[in-house]
Amino acid sequence: MDVTSLFLSPPIAFVLLLIAAVVDFWLLGILITKGTDRIGKAKPYACGEDVDHHRLQPDYGQFFSFAFFFTIMHVVAMIIATVPSGSVPDSLFAAFFTLSAASGLTALFRKEV
């Protein structure tokens, strides 16, 4: 085994890159200029208006629903794509999983009336 293939092996390359990242982080922490604290630096800014100190609470409920939908559909596509042709038990499993995912997603996106 020569030196090049040794350094390019995944564990050694990972450790070397990790060491390089730590050294870079340390050196940049020394070299960057430190900011000065000012009176209004931490105050919220809204086009020159003074705003109250309440925090905006965004609603991520729909985002998580769509992220879950995206993940489930990719898993379904992977399962369907990897089913061997002519394999009845695997085809039945893929069909069952697809129907389960469809019913779960229907329940997820159901609107309350």
PDB file of N, CA and C in Angstrom:
ATOM      1  N   MET A   1       0.853  -1.177   0.000  1.00  0.00           N
ATOM      2  CA  MET A   1       0.000   0.000   0.000  1.00  0.00           C
ATOM      3  C   MET A   1       0.895   1.234   0.000  1.00  0.00           C
ATOM      4  N   ASP A   2       0.725   2.080  -1.006  1.00  0.00           N
ATOM      5  CA  ASP A   2       1.554   3.284  -1.057  1.00  0.00           C
ATOM      6  C   ASP A   2       0.924   4.394  -0.215  1.00  0.00           C
ATOM      7  N   VAL A   3       1.660   5.484  -0.066  1.00  0.00           N
ATOM      8  CA  VAL A   3       1.250   6.578   0.814  1.00  0.00           C
ATOM      9  C   VAL A   3      -0.011   7.263   0.295  1.00  0.00           C
ATOM     10  N   THR A   4      -0.130   7.416  -1.021  1.00  0.00           N
ATOM     11  CA  THR A   4      -1.298   8.097  -1.591  1.00  0.00           C
ATOM     12  C   THR A   4      -2.580   7.340  -1.288  1.00  0.00           C
ATOM     13  N   SER A   5      -2.586   6.049  -1.497  1.00  0.00           N
ATOM     14  CA  SER A   5      -3.796   5.279  -1.220  1.00  0.00           C
ATOM     15  C   SER A   5      -4.078   5.215   0.281  1.00  0.00           C
ATOM     16  N   LEU A   6      -3.038   5.309   1.101  1.00  0.00           N
ATOM     17  CA  LEU A   6      -3.247   5.327   2.544  1.00  0.00           C
ATOM     18  C   LEU A   6      -3.959   6.609   2.962  1.00  0.00           C
ATOM     19  N   PHE A   7      -3.497   7.771   2.447  1.00  0.00           N
ATOM     20  CA  PHE A   7      -4.113   9.047   2.809  1.00  0.00           C
ATOM     21  C   PHE A   7      -5.500   9.212   2.209  1.00  0.00           C
ATOM     22  N   LEU A   8      -5.787   8.515   1.127  1.00  0.00           N
ATOM     23  CA  LEU A   8      -7.097   8.627   0.502  1.00  0.00           C
ATOM     24  C   LEU A   8      -8.097   7.599   1.019  1.00  0.00           C
ATOM     25  N   SER A   9      -7.677   6.752   1.944  1.00  0.00           N
ATOM     26  CA  SER A   9      -8.641   5.825   2.531  1.00  0.00           C
ATOM     27  C   SER A   9      -9.626   6.640   3.379  1.00  0.00           C
ATOM     28  N   PRO A  10     -10.902   6.283   3.383  1.00  0.00           N
ATOM     29  CA  PRO A  10     -11.920   7.117   4.033  1.00  0.00           C
ATOM     30  C   PRO A  10     -11.656   7.469   5.494  1.00  0.00           C
ATOM     31  N   PRO A  11     -11.239   6.556   6.371  1.00  0.00           N
ATOM     32  CA  PRO A  11     -11.031   6.975   7.762  1.00  0.00           C
ATOM     33  C   PRO A  11      -9.885   7.978   7.916  1.00  0.00           C
ATOM     34  N   ILE A  12      -8.787   7.744   7.210  1.00  0.00           N
ATOM     35  CA  ILE A  12      -7.637   8.652   7.310  1.00  0.00           C
ATOM     36  C   ILE A  12      -7.984  10.007   6.702  1.00  0.00           C
ATOM     37  N   ALA A  13      -8.651  10.012   5.549  1.00  0.00           N
ATOM     38  CA  ALA A  13      -9.042  11.271   4.912  1.00  0.00           C
ATOM     39  C   ALA A  13      -9.997  12.049   5.806  1.00  0.00           C
ATOM     40  N   PHE A  14     -10.932  11.362   6.470  1.00  0.00           N
ATOM     41  CA  PHE A  14     -11.868  12.034   7.374  1.00  0.00           C
ATOM     42  C   PHE A  14     -11.129  12.688   8.534  1.00  0.00           C
ATOM     43  N   VAL A  15     -10.206  11.964   9.148  1.00  0.00           N
ATOM     44  CA  VAL A  15      -9.456  12.510  10.280  1.00  0.00           C
ATOM     45  C   VAL A  15      -8.610  13.697   9.835  1.00  0.00           C
ATOM     46  N   LEU A  16      -7.958  13.598   8.682  1.00  0.00           N
ATOM     47  CA  LEU A  16      -7.141  14.711   8.191  1.00  0.00           C
ATOM     48  C   LEU A  16      -7.988  15.947   7.906  1.00  0.00           C
ATOM     49  N   LEU A  17      -9.145  15.756   7.278  1.00  0.00           N
ATOM     50  CA  LEU A  17     -10.019  16.898   7.001  1.00  0.00           C
ATOM     51  C   LEU A  17     -10.614  17.474   8.279  1.00  0.00           C
ATOM     52  N   LEU A  18     -10.894  16.630   9.254  1.00  0.00           N
ATOM     53  CA  LEU A  18     -11.391  17.117  10.535  1.00  0.00           C
ATOM     54  C   LEU A  18     -10.332  17.958  11.239  1.00  0.00           C
ATOM     55  N   ILE A  19      -9.097  17.512  11.208  1.00  0.00           N
ATOM     56  CA  ILE A  19      -7.999  18.285  11.802  1.00  0.00           C
ATOM     57  C   ILE A  19      -7.832  19.610  11.068  1.00  0.00           C
ATOM     58  N   ALA A  20      -7.901  19.590   9.734  1.00  0.00           N
ATOM     59  CA  ALA A  20      -7.786  20.825   8.955  1.00  0.00           C
ATOM     60  C   ALA A  20      -8.921  21.790   9.284  1.00  0.00           C
ATOM     61  N   ALA A  21     -10.137  21.288   9.473  1.00  0.00           N
ATOM     62  CA  ALA A  21     -11.269  22.149   9.804  1.00  0.00           C
ATOM     63  C   ALA A  21     -11.102  22.776  11.183  1.00  0.00           C
ATOM     64  N   VAL A  22     -10.619  21.998  12.152  1.00  0.00           N
ATOM     65  CA  VAL A  22     -10.404  22.536  13.501  1.00  0.00           C
ATOM     66  C   VAL A  22      -9.322  23.603  13.481  1.00  0.00           C
ATOM     67  N   VAL A  23      -8.238  23.363  12.753  1.00  0.00           N
ATOM     68  CA  VAL A  23      -7.159  24.354  12.656  1.00  0.00           C
ATOM     69  C   VAL A  23      -7.660  25.620  11.965  1.00  0.00           C
ATOM     70  N   ASP A  24      -8.434  25.473  10.884  1.00  0.00           N
ATOM     71  CA  ASP A  24      -8.993  26.647  10.207  1.00  0.00           C
ATOM     72  C   ASP A  24      -9.907  27.431  11.136  1.00  0.00           C
ATOM     73  N   PHE A  25     -10.761  26.751  11.865  1.00  0.00           N
ATOM     74  CA  PHE A  25     -11.670  27.418  12.791  1.00  0.00           C
ATOM     75  C   PHE A  25     -10.887  28.175  13.860  1.00  0.00           C
ATOM     76  N   TRP A  26      -9.856  27.558  14.376  1.00  0.00           N
ATOM     77  CA  TRP A  26      -9.043  28.190  15.413  1.00  0.00           C
ATOM     78  C   TRP A  26      -8.308  29.410  14.865  1.00  0.00           C
ATOM     79  N   LEU A  27      -7.683  29.264  13.676  1.00  0.00           N
ATOM     80  CA  LEU A  27      -6.948  30.390  13.095  1.00  0.00           C
ATOM     81  C   LEU A  27      -7.867  31.545  12.730  1.00  0.00           C
ATOM     82  N   LEU A  28      -9.011  31.247  12.156  1.00  0.00           N
ATOM     83  CA  LEU A  28      -9.938  32.318  11.803  1.00  0.00           C
ATOM     84  C   LEU A  28     -10.499  32.995  13.042  1.00  0.00           C
ATOM     85  N   GLY A  29     -10.666  32.269  14.127  1.00  0.00           N
ATOM     86  CA  GLY A  29     -11.101  32.882  15.376  1.00  0.00           C
ATOM     87  C   GLY A  29     -10.082  33.878  15.901  1.00  0.00           C
ATOM     88  N   ILE A  30      -8.815  33.632  15.633  1.00  0.00           N
ATOM     89  CA  ILE A  30      -7.761  34.555  16.057  1.00  0.00           C
ATOM     90  C   ILE A  30      -7.681  35.756  15.116  1.00  0.00           C
ATOM     91  N   LEU A  31      -7.831  35.512  13.813  1.00  0.00           N
ATOM     92  CA  LEU A  31      -7.583  36.549  12.818  1.00  0.00           C
ATOM     93  C   LEU A  31      -8.739  37.511  12.574  1.00  0.00           C
ATOM     94  N   ILE A  32      -9.965  37.113  12.819  1.00  0.00           N
ATOM     95  CA  ILE A  32     -11.076  38.007  12.495  1.00  0.00           C
ATOM     96  C   ILE A  32     -11.135  39.150  13.490  1.00  0.00           C
ATOM     97  N   THR A  33     -11.683  40.265  13.018  1.00  0.00           N
ATOM     98  CA  THR A  33     -11.808  41.426  13.897  1.00  0.00           C
ATOM     99  C   THR A  33     -13.038  41.249  14.774  1.00  0.00           C
ATOM    100  N   LYS A  34     -12.917  41.663  15.986  1.00  0.00           N
ATOM    101  CA  LYS A  34     -14.020  41.562  16.927  1.00  0.00           C
ATOM    102  C   LYS A  34     -14.873  42.820  16.812  1.00  0.00           C
ATOM    103  N   GLY A  35     -16.173  42.636  16.799  1.00  0.00           N
ATOM    104  CA  GLY A  35     -17.082  43.771  16.727  1.00  0.00           C
ATOM    105  C   GLY A  35     -17.202  44.454  18.077  1.00  0.00           C
ATOM    106  N   THR A  36     -17.623  45.707  18.039  1.00  0.00           N
ATOM    107  CA  THR A  36     -17.827  46.439  19.284  1.00  0.00           C
ATOM    108  C   THR A  36     -19.312  46.453  19.608  1.00  0.00           C
ATOM    109  N   ASP A  37     -19.628  46.357  20.881  1.00  0.00           N
ATOM    110  CA  ASP A  37     -21.020  46.406  21.305  1.00  0.00           C
ATOM    111  C   ASP A  37     -21.486  47.853  21.311  1.00  0.00           C
ATOM    112  N   ARG A  38     -22.634  48.069  20.710  1.00  0.00           N
ATOM    113  CA  ARG A  38     -23.237  49.398  20.674  1.00  0.00           C
ATOM    114  C   ARG A  38     -24.595  49.326  21.351  1.00  0.00           C
ATOM    115  N   ILE A  39     -25.141  50.481  21.687  1.00  0.00           N
ATOM    116  CA  ILE A  39     -26.389  50.525  22.451  1.00  0.00           C
ATOM    117  C   ILE A  39     -27.551  49.892  21.687  1.00  0.00           C
ATOM    118  N   GLY A  40     -27.758  50.249  20.432  1.00  0.00           N
ATOM    119  CA  GLY A  40     -28.914  49.766  19.692  1.00  0.00           C
ATOM    120  C   GLY A  40     -28.660  48.537  18.858  1.00  0.00           C
ATOM    121  N   LYS A  41     -27.538  47.887  19.059  1.00  0.00           N
ATOM    122  CA  LYS A  41     -27.170  46.771  18.193  1.00  0.00           C
ATOM    123  C   LYS A  41     -28.109  45.573  18.336  1.00  0.00           C
ATOM    124  N   ALA A  42     -28.577  45.303  19.513  1.00  0.00           N
ATOM    125  CA  ALA A  42     -29.427  44.139  19.734  1.00  0.00           C
ATOM    126  C   ALA A  42     -30.916  44.455  19.641  1.00  0.00           C
ATOM    127  N   LYS A  43     -31.273  45.719  19.379  1.00  0.00           N
ATOM    128  CA  LYS A  43     -32.687  46.083  19.289  1.00  0.00           C
ATOM    129  C   LYS A  43     -33.257  45.635  17.952  1.00  0.00           C
ATOM    130  N   PRO A  44     -34.530  45.239  17.932  1.00  0.00           N
ATOM    131  CA  PRO A  44     -35.156  44.885  16.657  1.00  0.00           C
ATOM    132  C   PRO A  44     -35.313  46.114  15.777  1.00  0.00           C
ATOM    133  N   TYR A  45     -35.225  45.920  14.469  1.00  0.00           N
ATOM    134  CA  TYR A  45     -35.305  47.024  13.525  1.00  0.00           C
ATOM    135  C   TYR A  45     -36.429  46.763  12.541  1.00  0.00           C
ATOM    136  N   ALA A  46     -37.317  47.734  12.395  1.00  0.00           N
ATOM    137  CA  ALA A  46     -38.422  47.619  11.448  1.00  0.00           C
ATOM    138  C   ALA A  46     -38.560  48.945  10.715  1.00  0.00           C
ATOM    139  N   CYS A  47     -37.682  49.191   9.775  1.00  0.00           N
ATOM    140  CA  CYS A  47     -37.710  50.400   8.935  1.00  0.00           C
ATOM    141  C   CYS A  47     -37.682  51.675   9.763  1.00  0.00           C
ATOM    142  N   GLY A  48     -36.914  51.701  10.805  1.00  0.00           N
ATOM    143  CA  GLY A  48     -36.761  52.899  11.605  1.00  0.00           C
ATOM    144  C   GLY A  48     -37.783  53.045  12.712  1.00  0.00           C
ATOM    145  N   GLU A  49     -38.775  52.178  12.763  1.00  0.00           N
ATOM    146  CA  GLU A  49     -39.795  52.268  13.802  1.00  0.00           C
ATOM    147  C   GLU A  49     -39.362  51.461  15.017  1.00  0.00           C
ATOM    148  N   ASP A  50     -39.745  51.940  16.181  1.00  0.00           N
ATOM    149  CA  ASP A  50     -39.520  51.148  17.387  1.00  0.00           C
ATOM    150  C   ASP A  50     -40.588  50.067  17.451  1.00  0.00           C
ATOM    151  N   VAL A  51     -40.179  48.858  17.669  1.00  0.00           N
ATOM    152  CA  VAL A  51     -41.127  47.750  17.757  1.00  0.00           C
ATOM    153  C   VAL A  51     -41.126  47.207  19.173  1.00  0.00           C
ATOM    154  N   ASP A  52     -42.252  46.593  19.523  1.00  0.00           N
ATOM    155  CA  ASP A  52     -42.338  45.981  20.847  1.00  0.00           C
ATOM    156  C   ASP A  52     -41.386  44.791  20.913  1.00  0.00           C
ATOM    157  N   HIS A  53     -41.189  44.320  22.092  1.00  0.00           N
ATOM    158  CA  HIS A  53     -40.250  43.221  22.281  1.00  0.00           C
ATOM    159  C   HIS A  53     -40.907  41.851  22.187  1.00  0.00           C
ATOM    160  N   HIS A  54     -42.037  41.761  21.500  1.00  0.00           N
ATOM    161  CA  HIS A  54     -42.633  40.441  21.320  1.00  0.00           C
ATOM    162  C   HIS A  54     -41.962  39.764  20.132  1.00  0.00           C
ATOM    163  N   ARG A  55     -41.883  38.478  20.229  1.00  0.00           N
ATOM    164  CA  ARG A  55     -41.221  37.708  19.173  1.00  0.00           C
ATOM    165  C   ARG A  55     -42.260  37.174  18.216  1.00  0.00           C
ATOM    166  N   LEU A  56     -41.911  37.170  16.969  1.00  0.00           N
ATOM    167  CA  LEU A  56     -42.770  36.602  15.948  1.00  0.00           C
ATOM    168  C   LEU A  56     -42.681  35.086  16.021  1.00  0.00           C
ATOM    169  N   GLN A  57     -43.811  34.434  16.062  1.00  0.00           N
ATOM    170  CA  GLN A  57     -43.850  32.979  16.133  1.00  0.00           C
ATOM    171  C   GLN A  57     -44.391  32.431  14.819  1.00  0.00           C
ATOM    172  N   PRO A  58     -43.524  32.076  13.892  1.00  0.00           N
ATOM    173  CA  PRO A  58     -44.016  31.533  12.617  1.00  0.00           C
ATOM    174  C   PRO A  58     -44.653  30.164  12.821  1.00  0.00           C
ATOM    175  N   ASP A  59     -45.605  29.843  11.952  1.00  0.00           N
ATOM    176  CA  ASP A  59     -46.299  28.563  12.025  1.00  0.00           C
ATOM    177  C   ASP A  59     -45.681  27.620  11.004  1.00  0.00           C
ATOM    178  N   TYR A  60     -45.047  26.575  11.486  1.00  0.00           N
ATOM    179  CA  TYR A  60     -44.401  25.607  10.610  1.00  0.00           C
ATOM    180  C   TYR A  60     -45.242  24.356  10.412  1.00  0.00           C
ATOM    181  N   GLY A  61     -46.492  24.386  10.826  1.00  0.00           N
ATOM    182  CA  GLY A  61     -47.339  23.205  10.733  1.00  0.00           C
ATOM    183  C   GLY A  61     -47.480  22.687   9.317  1.00  0.00           C
ATOM    184  N   GLN A  62     -47.744  23.570   8.364  1.00  0.00           N
ATOM    185  CA  GLN A  62     -47.889  23.132   6.979  1.00  0.00           C
ATOM    186  C   GLN A  62     -46.554  22.690   6.399  1.00  0.00           C
ATOM    187  N   PHE A  63     -45.479  23.328   6.795  1.00  0.00           N
ATOM    188  CA  PHE A  63     -44.166  22.936   6.290  1.00  0.00           C
ATOM    189  C   PHE A  63     -43.848  21.492   6.667  1.00  0.00           C
ATOM    190  N   PHE A  64     -44.102  21.125   7.916  1.00  0.00           N
ATOM    191  CA  PHE A  64     -43.794  19.772   8.350  1.00  0.00           C
ATOM    192  C   PHE A  64     -44.679  18.748   7.654  1.00  0.00           C
ATOM    193  N   SER A  65     -45.927  19.124   7.376  1.00  0.00           N
ATOM    194  CA  SER A  65     -46.806  18.212   6.644  1.00  0.00           C
ATOM    195  C   SER A  65     -46.253  17.940   5.257  1.00  0.00           C
ATOM    196  N   PHE A  66     -45.840  18.986   4.558  1.00  0.00           N
ATOM    197  CA  PHE A  66     -45.308  18.794   3.210  1.00  0.00           C
ATOM    198  C   PHE A  66     -43.944  18.104   3.232  1.00  0.00           C
ATOM    199  N   ALA A  67     -43.133  18.374   4.239  1.00  0.00           N
ATOM    200  CA  ALA A  67     -41.847  17.674   4.345  1.00  0.00           C
ATOM    201  C   ALA A  67     -42.074  16.184   4.594  1.00  0.00           C
ATOM    202  N   PHE A  68     -43.046  15.859   5.424  1.00  0.00           N
ATOM    203  CA  PHE A  68     -43.378  14.460   5.676  1.00  0.00           C
ATOM    204  C   PHE A  68     -43.914  13.806   4.409  1.00  0.00           C
ATOM    205  N   PHE A  69     -44.768  14.522   3.680  1.00  0.00           N
ATOM    206  CA  PHE A  69     -45.301  14.022   2.412  1.00  0.00           C
ATOM    207  C   PHE A  69     -44.166  13.734   1.431  1.00  0.00           C
ATOM    208  N   PHE A  70     -43.236  14.663   1.303  1.00  0.00           N
ATOM    209  CA  PHE A  70     -42.097  14.519   0.403  1.00  0.00           C
ATOM    210  C   PHE A  70     -41.276  13.280   0.773  1.00  0.00           C
ATOM    211  N   THR A  71     -41.015  13.097   2.064  1.00  0.00           N
ATOM    212  CA  THR A  71     -40.227  11.955   2.523  1.00  0.00           C
ATOM    213  C   THR A  71     -40.937  10.637   2.252  1.00  0.00           C
ATOM    214  N   ILE A  72     -42.211  10.570   2.587  1.00  0.00           N
ATOM    215  CA  ILE A  72     -42.966   9.329   2.389  1.00  0.00           C
ATOM    216  C   ILE A  72     -43.046   8.979   0.912  1.00  0.00           C
ATOM    217  N   MET A  73     -43.285   9.954   0.050  1.00  0.00           N
ATOM    218  CA  MET A  73     -43.397   9.664  -1.378  1.00  0.00           C
ATOM    219  C   MET A  73     -42.068   9.178  -1.950  1.00  0.00           C
ATOM    220  N   HIS A  74     -40.957   9.695  -1.449  1.00  0.00           N
ATOM    221  CA  HIS A  74     -39.665   9.208  -1.922  1.00  0.00           C
ATOM    222  C   HIS A  74     -39.398   7.777  -1.440  1.00  0.00           C
ATOM    223  N   VAL A  75     -39.809   7.458  -0.242  1.00  0.00           N
ATOM    224  CA  VAL A  75     -39.648   6.086   0.246  1.00  0.00           C
ATOM    225  C   VAL A  75     -40.524   5.134  -0.562  1.00  0.00           C
ATOM    226  N   VAL A  76     -41.759   5.555  -0.867  1.00  0.00           N
ATOM    227  CA  VAL A  76     -42.647   4.723  -1.690  1.00  0.00           C
ATOM    228  C   VAL A  76     -42.032   4.500  -3.067  1.00  0.00           C
ATOM    229  N   ALA A  77     -41.506   5.567  -3.674  1.00  0.00           N
ATOM    230  CA  ALA A  77     -40.884   5.433  -4.996  1.00  0.00           C
ATOM    231  C   ALA A  77     -39.678   4.501  -4.944  1.00  0.00           C
ATOM    232  N   MET A  78     -38.895   4.575  -3.863  1.00  0.00           N
ATOM    233  CA  MET A  78     -37.735   3.696  -3.738  1.00  0.00           C
ATOM    234  C   MET A  78     -38.168   2.239  -3.598  1.00  0.00           C
ATOM    235  N   ILE A  79     -39.198   1.999  -2.804  1.00  0.00           N
ATOM    236  CA  ILE A  79     -39.664   0.621  -2.622  1.00  0.00           C
ATOM    237  C   ILE A  79     -40.214   0.064  -3.917  1.00  0.00           C
ATOM    238  N   ILE A  80     -41.007   0.855  -4.632  1.00  0.00           N
ATOM    239  CA  ILE A  80     -41.570   0.380  -5.899  1.00  0.00           C
ATOM    240  C   ILE A  80     -40.465   0.142  -6.923  1.00  0.00           C
ATOM    241  N   ALA A  81     -39.464   1.012  -6.946  1.00  0.00           N
ATOM    242  CA  ALA A  81     -38.394   0.882  -7.937  1.00  0.00           C
ATOM    243  C   ALA A  81     -37.489  -0.316  -7.664  1.00  0.00           C
ATOM    244  N   THR A  82     -37.414  -0.749  -6.421  1.00  0.00           N
ATOM    245  CA  THR A  82     -36.497  -1.846  -6.096  1.00  0.00           C
ATOM    246  C   THR A  82     -37.175  -3.207  -6.002  1.00  0.00           C
ATOM    247  N   VAL A  83     -38.465  -3.274  -6.316  1.00  0.00           N
ATOM    248  CA  VAL A  83     -39.160  -4.568  -6.296  1.00  0.00           C
ATOM    249  C   VAL A  83     -38.711  -5.379  -7.505  1.00  0.00           C
ATOM    250  N   PRO A  84     -38.235  -6.596  -7.295  1.00  0.00           N
ATOM    251  CA  PRO A  84     -37.828  -7.419  -8.436  1.00  0.00           C
ATOM    252  C   PRO A  84     -39.048  -7.810  -9.276  1.00  0.00           C
ATOM    253  N   SER A  85     -38.876  -7.811 -10.575  1.00  0.00           N
ATOM    254  CA  SER A  85     -40.001  -8.156 -11.443  1.00  0.00           C
ATOM    255  C   SER A  85     -40.329  -9.637 -11.294  1.00  0.00           C
ATOM    256  N   GLY A  86     -41.615  -9.930 -11.214  1.00  0.00           N
ATOM    257  CA  GLY A  86     -42.049 -11.313 -11.090  1.00  0.00           C
ATOM    258  C   GLY A  86     -42.124 -11.827  -9.668  1.00  0.00           C
ATOM    259  N   SER A  87     -41.758 -11.026  -8.690  1.00  0.00           N
ATOM    260  CA  SER A  87     -41.796 -11.460  -7.294  1.00  0.00           C
ATOM    261  C   SER A  87     -43.141 -11.053  -6.690  1.00  0.00           C
ATOM    262  N   VAL A  88     -44.024 -12.009  -6.527  1.00  0.00           N
ATOM    263  CA  VAL A  88     -45.377 -11.721  -6.040  1.00  0.00           C
ATOM    264  C   VAL A  88     -45.374 -11.225  -4.588  1.00  0.00           C
ATOM    265  N   PRO A  89     -44.655 -11.865  -3.644  1.00  0.00           N
ATOM    266  CA  PRO A  89     -44.690 -11.351  -2.266  1.00  0.00           C
ATOM    267  C   PRO A  89     -44.140  -9.931  -2.151  1.00  0.00           C
ATOM    268  N   ASP A  90     -43.075  -9.640  -2.877  1.00  0.00           N
ATOM    269  CA  ASP A  90     -42.520  -8.289  -2.826  1.00  0.00           C
ATOM    270  C   ASP A  90     -43.464  -7.287  -3.465  1.00  0.00           C
ATOM    271  N   SER A  91     -44.134  -7.681  -4.540  1.00  0.00           N
ATOM    272  CA  SER A  91     -45.100  -6.793  -5.183  1.00  0.00           C
ATOM    273  C   SER A  91     -46.276  -6.521  -4.257  1.00  0.00           C
ATOM    274  N   LEU A  92     -46.727  -7.549  -3.539  1.00  0.00           N
ATOM    275  CA  LEU A  92     -47.818  -7.348  -2.579  1.00  0.00           C
ATOM    276  C   LEU A  92     -47.385  -6.436  -1.437  1.00  0.00           C
ATOM    277  N   PHE A  93     -46.137  -6.605  -0.972  1.00  0.00           N
ATOM    278  CA  PHE A  93     -45.621  -5.724   0.075  1.00  0.00           C
ATOM    279  C   PHE A  93     -45.560  -4.283  -0.413  1.00  0.00           C
ATOM    280  N   ALA A  94     -45.089  -4.069  -1.642  1.00  0.00           N
ATOM    281  CA  ALA A  94     -45.007  -2.716  -2.189  1.00  0.00           C
ATOM    282  C   ALA A  94     -46.398  -2.109  -2.328  1.00  0.00           C
ATOM    283  N   ALA A  95     -47.377  -2.904  -2.777  1.00  0.00           N
ATOM    284  CA  ALA A  95     -48.747  -2.402  -2.907  1.00  0.00           C
ATOM    285  C   ALA A  95     -49.324  -2.065  -1.533  1.00  0.00           C
ATOM    286  N   PHE A  96     -49.088  -2.932  -0.543  1.00  0.00           N
ATOM    287  CA  PHE A  96     -49.570  -2.668   0.815  1.00  0.00           C
ATOM    288  C   PHE A  96     -48.926  -1.409   1.383  1.00  0.00           C
ATOM    289  N   PHE A  97     -47.621  -1.252   1.190  1.00  0.00           N
ATOM    290  CA  PHE A  97     -46.933  -0.069   1.699  1.00  0.00           C
ATOM    291  C   PHE A  97     -47.441   1.190   1.015  1.00  0.00           C
ATOM    292  N   THR A  98     -47.691   1.126  -0.296  1.00  0.00           N
ATOM    293  CA  THR A  98     -48.201   2.284  -1.023  1.00  0.00           C
ATOM    294  C   THR A  98     -49.589   2.668  -0.520  1.00  0.00           C
ATOM    295  N   LEU A  99     -50.459   1.681  -0.310  1.00  0.00           N
ATOM    296  CA  LEU A  99     -51.795   1.974   0.214  1.00  0.00           C
ATOM    297  C   LEU A  99     -51.731   2.516   1.640  1.00  0.00           C
ATOM    298  N   SER A 100     -50.827   1.986   2.448  1.00  0.00           N
ATOM    299  CA  SER A 100     -50.661   2.491   3.812  1.00  0.00           C
ATOM    300  C   SER A 100     -50.172   3.932   3.800  1.00  0.00           C
ATOM    301  N   ALA A 101     -49.225   4.225   2.926  1.00  0.00           N
ATOM    302  CA  ALA A 101     -48.713   5.589   2.827  1.00  0.00           C
ATOM    303  C   ALA A 101     -49.802   6.531   2.334  1.00  0.00           C
ATOM    304  N   ALA A 102     -50.599   6.092   1.365  1.00  0.00           N
ATOM    305  CA  ALA A 102     -51.680   6.934   0.844  1.00  0.00           C
ATOM    306  C   ALA A 102     -52.718   7.218   1.924  1.00  0.00           C
ATOM    307  N   SER A 103     -53.080   6.202   2.712  1.00  0.00           N
ATOM    308  CA  SER A 103     -54.064   6.437   3.772  1.00  0.00           C
ATOM    309  C   SER A 103     -53.482   7.321   4.877  1.00  0.00           C
ATOM    310  N   GLY A 104     -52.213   7.141   5.196  1.00  0.00           N
ATOM    311  CA  GLY A 104     -51.579   8.008   6.186  1.00  0.00           C
ATOM    312  C   GLY A 104     -51.492   9.448   5.726  1.00  0.00           C
ATOM    313  N   LEU A 105     -51.159   9.648   4.464  1.00  0.00           N
ATOM    314  CA  LEU A 105     -51.084  11.009   3.941  1.00  0.00           C
ATOM    315  C   LEU A 105     -52.464  11.637   3.829  1.00  0.00           C
ATOM    316  N   THR A 106     -53.486  10.829   3.522  1.00  0.00           N
ATOM    317  CA  THR A 106     -54.855  11.349   3.495  1.00  0.00           C
ATOM    318  C   THR A 106     -55.258  11.827   4.887  1.00  0.00           C
ATOM    319  N   ALA A 107     -54.923  11.058   5.907  1.00  0.00           N
ATOM    320  CA  ALA A 107     -55.227  11.472   7.276  1.00  0.00           C
ATOM    321  C   ALA A 107     -54.423  12.707   7.667  1.00  0.00           C
ATOM    322  N   LEU A 108     -53.215  12.819   7.169  1.00  0.00           N
ATOM    323  CA  LEU A 108     -52.365  13.962   7.497  1.00  0.00           C
ATOM    324  C   LEU A 108     -52.911  15.256   6.914  1.00  0.00           C
ATOM    325  N   PHE A 109     -53.382  15.205   5.676  1.00  0.00           N
ATOM    326  CA  PHE A 109     -53.842  16.414   5.000  1.00  0.00           C
ATOM    327  C   PHE A 109     -55.350  16.628   5.112  1.00  0.00           C
ATOM    328  N   ARG A 110     -56.020  15.840   5.938  1.00  0.00           N
ATOM    329  CA  ARG A 110     -57.460  15.993   6.103  1.00  0.00           C
ATOM    330  C   ARG A 110     -57.750  17.333   6.771  1.00  0.00           C
ATOM    331  N   LYS A 111     -58.708  18.048   6.233  1.00  0.00           N
ATOM    332  CA  LYS A 111     -59.091  19.351   6.786  1.00  0.00           C
ATOM    333  C   LYS A 111     -60.186  19.145   7.828  1.00  0.00           C
ATOM    334  N   GLU A 112     -60.040  19.817   8.937  1.00  0.00           N
ATOM    335  CA  GLU A 112     -61.073  19.769   9.969  1.00  0.00           C
ATOM    336  C   GLU A 112     -62.202  20.697   9.556  1.00  0.00           C
ATOM    337  N   VAL A 113     -63.426  20.198   9.653  1.00  0.00           N
ATOM    338  CA  VAL A 113     -64.589  21.012   9.262  1.00  0.00           C
ATOM    339  C   VAL A 113     -65.314  21.477  10.482  1.00  0.00           C
TER     340      VAL A 113
END
